[in-house]
């Protein structure tokens, strides 16, 4: 179920995490813009600025290039 799945996995393992995010996005036919919207709509510990701080610049670059 989607509700039990974290929006952002643990990004310590960059390549694996990026692949997981892309696979999940593909399952639901989500684009990068859709992902950005989901992150923007987060509240509490899933608030956009808190989520984005957890993602390194290298990981964001890898995700963007995929």
C-alpha atoms as a PDB file:
ATOM      1  CA  UNK A   1       0.000   0.000   0.000  1.00  0.00           C
ATOM      2  CA  UNK A   2       1.257   3.473  -0.841  1.00  0.00           C
ATOM      3  CA  UNK A   3       0.567   4.937   2.606  1.00  0.00           C
ATOM      4  CA  UNK A   4       3.053   2.563   4.267  1.00  0.00           C
ATOM      5  CA  UNK A   5       5.809   3.289   1.765  1.00  0.00           C
ATOM      6  CA  UNK A   6       8.205   6.117   2.547  1.00  0.00           C
ATOM      7  CA  UNK A   7       8.383   8.830  -0.091  1.00  0.00           C
ATOM      8  CA  UNK A   8      12.130   9.083   0.240  1.00  0.00           C
ATOM      9  CA  UNK A   9      14.205   5.999   1.049  1.00  0.00           C
ATOM     10  CA  UNK A  10      17.471   6.063   2.989  1.00  0.00           C
ATOM     11  CA  UNK A  11      19.870   7.914   0.680  1.00  0.00           C
ATOM     12  CA  UNK A  12      23.088   6.591   2.227  1.00  0.00           C
ATOM     13  CA  UNK A  13      23.258   4.079  -0.592  1.00  0.00           C
ATOM     14  CA  UNK A  14      22.834   6.515  -3.447  1.00  0.00           C
ATOM     15  CA  UNK A  15      22.575   4.313  -6.522  1.00  0.00           C
ATOM     16  CA  UNK A  16      20.316   1.735  -4.899  1.00  0.00           C
ATOM     17  CA  UNK A  17      18.064   4.433  -3.471  1.00  0.00           C
ATOM     18  CA  UNK A  18      17.776   6.232  -6.798  1.00  0.00           C
ATOM     19  CA  UNK A  19      16.857   2.987  -8.531  1.00  0.00           C
ATOM     20  CA  UNK A  20      14.208   2.290  -5.856  1.00  0.00           C
ATOM     21  CA  UNK A  21      12.705   5.757  -6.288  1.00  0.00           C
ATOM     22  CA  UNK A  22      12.632   5.434 -10.070  1.00  0.00           C
ATOM     23  CA  UNK A  23      11.028   1.977  -9.882  1.00  0.00           C
ATOM     24  CA  UNK A  24       8.362   3.247  -7.491  1.00  0.00           C
ATOM     25  CA  UNK A  25       7.707   6.264  -9.693  1.00  0.00           C
ATOM     26  CA  UNK A  26       7.383   4.007 -12.744  1.00  0.00           C
ATOM     27  CA  UNK A  27       4.909   1.767 -10.902  1.00  0.00           C
ATOM     28  CA  UNK A  28       2.600   4.745 -10.429  1.00  0.00           C
ATOM     29  CA  UNK A  29       3.436   6.519 -13.712  1.00  0.00           C
ATOM     30  CA  UNK A  30       4.893   9.513 -11.876  1.00  0.00           C
ATOM     31  CA  UNK A  31       7.178  12.066 -13.501  1.00  0.00           C
ATOM     32  CA  UNK A  32       9.869  14.068 -11.740  1.00  0.00           C
ATOM     33  CA  UNK A  33       7.405  16.974 -11.573  1.00  0.00           C
ATOM     34  CA  UNK A  34       4.860  14.699  -9.879  1.00  0.00           C
ATOM     35  CA  UNK A  35       7.506  13.643  -7.319  1.00  0.00           C
ATOM     36  CA  UNK A  36       8.321  17.305  -6.639  1.00  0.00           C
ATOM     37  CA  UNK A  37       4.620  17.979  -6.044  1.00  0.00           C
ATOM     38  CA  UNK A  38       4.298  15.043  -3.631  1.00  0.00           C
ATOM     39  CA  UNK A  39       7.322  16.279  -1.672  1.00  0.00           C
ATOM     40  CA  UNK A  40       5.926  19.838  -1.584  1.00  0.00           C
ATOM     41  CA  UNK A  41       2.668  18.554  -0.098  1.00  0.00           C
ATOM     42  CA  UNK A  42       4.401  16.810   2.815  1.00  0.00           C
ATOM     43  CA  UNK A  43       3.688  17.776   6.423  1.00  0.00           C
ATOM     44  CA  UNK A  44       5.467  17.282   9.760  1.00  0.00           C
ATOM     45  CA  UNK A  45       8.577  15.107   9.278  1.00  0.00           C
ATOM     46  CA  UNK A  46       7.746  14.825   5.560  1.00  0.00           C
ATOM     47  CA  UNK A  47       7.719  18.594   4.999  1.00  0.00           C
ATOM     48  CA  UNK A  48       9.473  19.464   1.758  1.00  0.00           C
ATOM     49  CA  UNK A  49      12.433  21.364   3.180  1.00  0.00           C
ATOM     50  CA  UNK A  50      13.109  18.626   5.750  1.00  0.00           C
ATOM     51  CA  UNK A  51      12.904  15.868   3.144  1.00  0.00           C
ATOM     52  CA  UNK A  52      15.110  17.698   0.663  1.00  0.00           C
ATOM     53  CA  UNK A  53      17.778  18.379   3.310  1.00  0.00           C
ATOM     54  CA  UNK A  54      18.142  14.608   3.753  1.00  0.00           C
ATOM     55  CA  UNK A  55      19.051  14.164   0.090  1.00  0.00           C
ATOM     56  CA  UNK A  56      22.628  14.962  -0.864  1.00  0.00           C
ATOM     57  CA  UNK A  57      23.432  17.064  -3.913  1.00  0.00           C
ATOM     58  CA  UNK A  58      25.078  14.037  -5.541  1.00  0.00           C
ATOM     59  CA  UNK A  59      21.912  11.996  -5.068  1.00  0.00           C
ATOM     60  CA  UNK A  60      19.720  14.756  -6.496  1.00  0.00           C
ATOM     61  CA  UNK A  61      22.027  14.941  -9.515  1.00  0.00           C
ATOM     62  CA  UNK A  62      21.901  11.179 -10.011  1.00  0.00           C
ATOM     63  CA  UNK A  63      18.104  11.181  -9.792  1.00  0.00           C
ATOM     64  CA  UNK A  64      17.845  14.045 -12.265  1.00  0.00           C
ATOM     65  CA  UNK A  65      20.151  12.326 -14.789  1.00  0.00           C
ATOM     66  CA  UNK A  66      18.182   9.048 -14.696  1.00  0.00           C
END
